[in-house]
Amino acid sequence: MAFVYVLQSETTGKYYIGSTNNLNRRLGQHRNGQTRTTRVLNAYKLVYYEEYDSIDDARTRERKLKSYKSHKYIDWLILQTPQYT
C-alpha cells in the first residue's frame, strides 16, 4: 500500500505534495520537524490523500500533481473529496 498526500500550511495556505508507503509514519515525521521542506510550514493539515497499490504508482501521481503550475486543480481535487469538505 502506498499513498500520495497533500498538506496545506495553515498560515500561508501553500501546499506540500508527497508520497509514502506509510502515511502515519510520514505525517509523524512532518509533525516532528524531521522533513526539511515542511519544517518551515509550521502548522499544517492533511487536506487530501490517495491510496495506491505500489509506491511507483504513487510517485507517478505525485509527479503529475506537482507538474500543475496552478493550485486550482489541487483546490478542485480537495473539494471533490467528501471527507475534506
N, C-alpha and C. Protein backbone atom coordinates (compact mmCIF):
# COMPACT_ATOMS: atom_id res chain seq x y z
N MET A 1 0.83 -1.18 0.00
CA MET A 1 0.00 0.00 0.00
C MET A 1 0.88 1.25 0.00
N ALA A 2 0.51 2.23 -0.80
CA ALA A 2 1.25 3.49 -0.90
C ALA A 2 0.26 4.64 -1.01
N PHE A 3 0.74 5.82 -0.72
CA PHE A 3 -0.13 6.98 -0.66
C PHE A 3 0.51 8.19 -1.31
N VAL A 4 -0.32 9.03 -1.91
CA VAL A 4 0.04 10.39 -2.30
C VAL A 4 -0.78 11.26 -1.37
N TYR A 5 -0.16 12.30 -0.81
CA TYR A 5 -0.88 13.13 0.14
C TYR A 5 -0.58 14.60 -0.11
N VAL A 6 -1.50 15.43 0.35
CA VAL A 6 -1.34 16.88 0.22
C VAL A 6 -1.50 17.49 1.60
N LEU A 7 -0.50 18.24 2.01
CA LEU A 7 -0.57 19.02 3.25
C LEU A 7 -0.77 20.48 2.86
N GLN A 8 -1.45 21.21 3.72
CA GLN A 8 -1.62 22.63 3.48
C GLN A 8 -1.20 23.41 4.72
N SER A 9 -0.38 24.42 4.51
CA SER A 9 0.05 25.28 5.61
C SER A 9 -1.15 26.07 6.11
N GLU A 10 -1.35 26.05 7.41
CA GLU A 10 -2.45 26.80 7.99
C GLU A 10 -2.14 28.29 8.06
N THR A 11 -0.89 28.67 7.90
CA THR A 11 -0.53 30.08 7.95
C THR A 11 -0.42 30.71 6.56
N THR A 12 0.16 29.98 5.60
CA THR A 12 0.36 30.56 4.26
C THR A 12 -0.61 30.02 3.22
N GLY A 13 -1.22 28.85 3.48
CA GLY A 13 -2.11 28.23 2.51
C GLY A 13 -1.39 27.43 1.44
N LYS A 14 -0.05 27.42 1.48
CA LYS A 14 0.72 26.68 0.48
C LYS A 14 0.56 25.18 0.67
N TYR A 15 0.69 24.47 -0.45
CA TYR A 15 0.56 23.02 -0.45
C TYR A 15 1.92 22.34 -0.45
N TYR A 16 1.96 21.18 0.16
CA TYR A 16 3.10 20.27 0.05
C TYR A 16 2.53 18.95 -0.43
N ILE A 17 3.08 18.41 -1.50
CA ILE A 17 2.63 17.14 -2.07
C ILE A 17 3.73 16.12 -1.88
N GLY A 18 3.38 14.95 -1.36
CA GLY A 18 4.37 13.91 -1.13
C GLY A 18 3.80 12.53 -1.36
N SER A 19 4.65 11.53 -1.29
CA SER A 19 4.22 10.13 -1.41
C SER A 19 4.99 9.30 -0.39
N THR A 20 4.37 8.21 0.03
CA THR A 20 4.98 7.36 1.06
C THR A 20 4.32 5.99 1.04
N ASN A 21 5.00 5.03 1.65
CA ASN A 21 4.38 3.72 1.81
C ASN A 21 3.80 3.55 3.22
N ASN A 22 3.95 4.57 4.07
CA ASN A 22 3.39 4.53 5.43
C ASN A 22 2.96 5.95 5.79
N LEU A 23 1.68 6.23 5.60
CA LEU A 23 1.18 7.59 5.76
C LEU A 23 1.30 8.09 7.20
N ASN A 24 0.95 7.25 8.17
CA ASN A 24 1.03 7.68 9.57
C ASN A 24 2.46 8.02 9.99
N ARG A 25 3.42 7.18 9.59
CA ARG A 25 4.82 7.45 9.92
C ARG A 25 5.27 8.76 9.29
N ARG A 26 4.92 8.95 8.02
CA ARG A 26 5.36 10.14 7.30
C ARG A 26 4.75 11.41 7.90
N LEU A 27 3.48 11.36 8.26
CA LEU A 27 2.85 12.52 8.88
C LEU A 27 3.52 12.84 10.22
N GLY A 28 3.92 11.80 10.95
CA GLY A 28 4.66 11.99 12.20
C GLY A 28 5.99 12.68 11.96
N GLN A 29 6.66 12.31 10.88
CA GLN A 29 7.93 12.96 10.54
C GLN A 29 7.72 14.44 10.24
N HIS A 30 6.64 14.74 9.53
CA HIS A 30 6.33 16.14 9.25
C HIS A 30 6.05 16.89 10.55
N ARG A 31 5.24 16.28 11.42
CA ARG A 31 4.87 16.91 12.70
C ARG A 31 6.08 17.16 13.59
N ASN A 32 7.04 16.25 13.56
CA ASN A 32 8.22 16.35 14.43
C ASN A 32 9.35 17.19 13.83
N GLY A 33 9.11 17.79 12.68
CA GLY A 33 10.13 18.64 12.06
C GLY A 33 11.27 17.86 11.43
N GLN A 34 11.05 16.60 11.11
CA GLN A 34 12.10 15.76 10.52
C GLN A 34 12.16 15.88 9.00
N THR A 35 11.27 16.66 8.43
CA THR A 35 11.24 16.85 6.99
C THR A 35 11.61 18.29 6.68
N ARG A 36 12.73 18.47 6.04
CA ARG A 36 13.28 19.80 5.78
C ARG A 36 12.29 20.71 5.04
N THR A 37 11.60 20.18 4.06
CA THR A 37 10.75 21.03 3.23
C THR A 37 9.48 21.50 3.93
N THR A 38 8.99 20.77 4.93
CA THR A 38 7.79 21.22 5.63
C THR A 38 8.10 21.82 6.99
N ARG A 39 9.32 21.79 7.40
CA ARG A 39 9.70 22.37 8.69
C ARG A 39 9.31 23.85 8.75
N VAL A 40 9.42 24.53 7.61
CA VAL A 40 9.11 25.96 7.57
C VAL A 40 7.61 26.24 7.52
N LEU A 41 6.80 25.22 7.20
CA LEU A 41 5.36 25.43 7.14
C LEU A 41 4.75 25.58 8.53
N ASN A 42 5.44 25.11 9.54
CA ASN A 42 4.95 25.12 10.91
C ASN A 42 3.64 24.36 11.01
N ALA A 43 2.54 25.05 11.19
CA ALA A 43 1.24 24.40 11.34
C ALA A 43 0.71 24.04 9.95
N TYR A 44 0.35 22.80 9.77
CA TYR A 44 -0.21 22.34 8.51
C TYR A 44 -1.27 21.31 8.83
N LYS A 45 -2.06 21.00 7.80
CA LYS A 45 -3.07 19.96 7.96
C LYS A 45 -3.09 19.07 6.73
N LEU A 46 -3.43 17.82 6.93
CA LEU A 46 -3.62 16.89 5.83
C LEU A 46 -4.95 17.24 5.18
N VAL A 47 -4.92 17.62 3.90
CA VAL A 47 -6.15 18.03 3.23
C VAL A 47 -6.61 17.03 2.17
N TYR A 48 -5.72 16.09 1.80
CA TYR A 48 -6.10 15.14 0.75
C TYR A 48 -5.10 14.00 0.72
N TYR A 49 -5.59 12.81 0.39
CA TYR A 49 -4.69 11.70 0.09
C TYR A 49 -5.36 10.71 -0.85
N GLU A 50 -4.55 9.95 -1.56
CA GLU A 50 -4.99 8.88 -2.45
C GLU A 50 -4.20 7.64 -2.12
N GLU A 51 -4.81 6.49 -2.28
CA GLU A 51 -4.17 5.21 -1.98
C GLU A 51 -3.83 4.48 -3.28
N TYR A 52 -2.65 3.86 -3.32
CA TYR A 52 -2.19 3.13 -4.50
C TYR A 52 -1.64 1.77 -4.09
N ASP A 53 -1.59 0.87 -5.06
CA ASP A 53 -1.07 -0.48 -4.80
C ASP A 53 0.44 -0.50 -4.66
N SER A 54 1.11 0.42 -5.34
CA SER A 54 2.58 0.40 -5.30
C SER A 54 3.13 1.81 -5.12
N ILE A 55 4.32 1.89 -4.57
CA ILE A 55 4.97 3.17 -4.38
C ILE A 55 5.32 3.81 -5.72
N ASP A 56 5.60 2.99 -6.73
CA ASP A 56 5.88 3.53 -8.06
C ASP A 56 4.66 4.27 -8.62
N ASP A 57 3.47 3.68 -8.45
CA ASP A 57 2.24 4.34 -8.90
C ASP A 57 2.01 5.64 -8.13
N ALA A 58 2.24 5.61 -6.84
CA ALA A 58 2.06 6.80 -6.01
C ALA A 58 3.04 7.90 -6.42
N ARG A 59 4.27 7.55 -6.70
CA ARG A 59 5.26 8.56 -7.09
C ARG A 59 4.96 9.15 -8.47
N THR A 60 4.41 8.31 -9.36
CA THR A 60 4.00 8.81 -10.66
C THR A 60 2.90 9.85 -10.51
N ARG A 61 1.93 9.56 -9.65
CA ARG A 61 0.83 10.50 -9.39
C ARG A 61 1.37 11.77 -8.69
N GLU A 62 2.29 11.60 -7.77
CA GLU A 62 2.90 12.75 -7.09
C GLU A 62 3.55 13.68 -8.11
N ARG A 63 4.31 13.13 -9.03
CA ARG A 63 4.97 13.95 -10.06
C ARG A 63 3.93 14.67 -10.93
N LYS A 64 2.82 13.98 -11.24
CA LYS A 64 1.76 14.58 -12.04
C LYS A 64 1.14 15.77 -11.30
N LEU A 65 0.82 15.57 -10.03
CA LEU A 65 0.23 16.66 -9.25
C LEU A 65 1.19 17.84 -9.13
N LYS A 66 2.46 17.56 -8.94
CA LYS A 66 3.46 18.62 -8.82
C LYS A 66 3.68 19.36 -10.14
N SER A 67 3.34 18.72 -11.26
CA SER A 67 3.57 19.34 -12.57
C SER A 67 2.55 20.45 -12.87
N TYR A 68 1.43 20.45 -12.16
CA TYR A 68 0.44 21.50 -12.38
C TYR A 68 1.00 22.82 -11.84
N LYS A 69 0.96 23.83 -12.65
CA LYS A 69 1.54 25.12 -12.26
C LYS A 69 0.56 25.96 -11.43
N SER A 70 -0.70 25.60 -11.46
CA SER A 70 -1.71 26.35 -10.73
C SER A 70 -2.24 25.51 -9.57
N HIS A 71 -2.63 26.16 -8.51
CA HIS A 71 -3.21 25.46 -7.37
C HIS A 71 -4.68 25.14 -7.59
N LYS A 72 -5.24 25.62 -8.69
CA LYS A 72 -6.67 25.44 -8.94
C LYS A 72 -7.05 23.97 -9.00
N TYR A 73 -6.24 23.14 -9.63
CA TYR A 73 -6.57 21.72 -9.72
C TYR A 73 -6.53 21.06 -8.34
N ILE A 74 -5.54 21.39 -7.53
CA ILE A 74 -5.45 20.83 -6.18
C ILE A 74 -6.66 21.28 -5.36
N ASP A 75 -7.01 22.57 -5.47
CA ASP A 75 -8.20 23.07 -4.77
C ASP A 75 -9.44 22.29 -5.20
N TRP A 76 -9.60 22.09 -6.50
CA TRP A 76 -10.74 21.35 -7.04
C TRP A 76 -10.73 19.91 -6.52
N LEU A 77 -9.59 19.27 -6.55
CA LEU A 77 -9.45 17.89 -6.10
C LEU A 77 -9.88 17.74 -4.64
N ILE A 78 -9.45 18.66 -3.81
CA ILE A 78 -9.81 18.63 -2.39
C ILE A 78 -11.32 18.79 -2.22
N LEU A 79 -11.90 19.70 -2.97
CA LEU A 79 -13.34 19.94 -2.86
C LEU A 79 -14.17 18.76 -3.34
N GLN A 80 -13.62 17.93 -4.23
CA GLN A 80 -14.34 16.77 -4.74
C GLN A 80 -14.33 15.59 -3.78
N THR A 81 -13.56 15.70 -2.72
CA THR A 81 -13.41 14.60 -1.77
C THR A 81 -14.26 14.89 -0.54
N PRO A 82 -15.36 14.14 -0.34
CA PRO A 82 -16.31 14.45 0.74
C PRO A 82 -15.70 14.53 2.14
N GLN A 83 -14.72 13.70 2.47
CA GLN A 83 -14.19 13.72 3.84
C GLN A 83 -13.42 14.99 4.15
N TYR A 84 -13.09 15.81 3.15
CA TYR A 84 -12.32 17.02 3.40
C TYR A 84 -13.12 18.29 3.18
N THR A 85 -14.39 18.19 2.86
CA THR A 85 -15.18 19.40 2.66
C THR A 85 -15.91 19.79 3.92
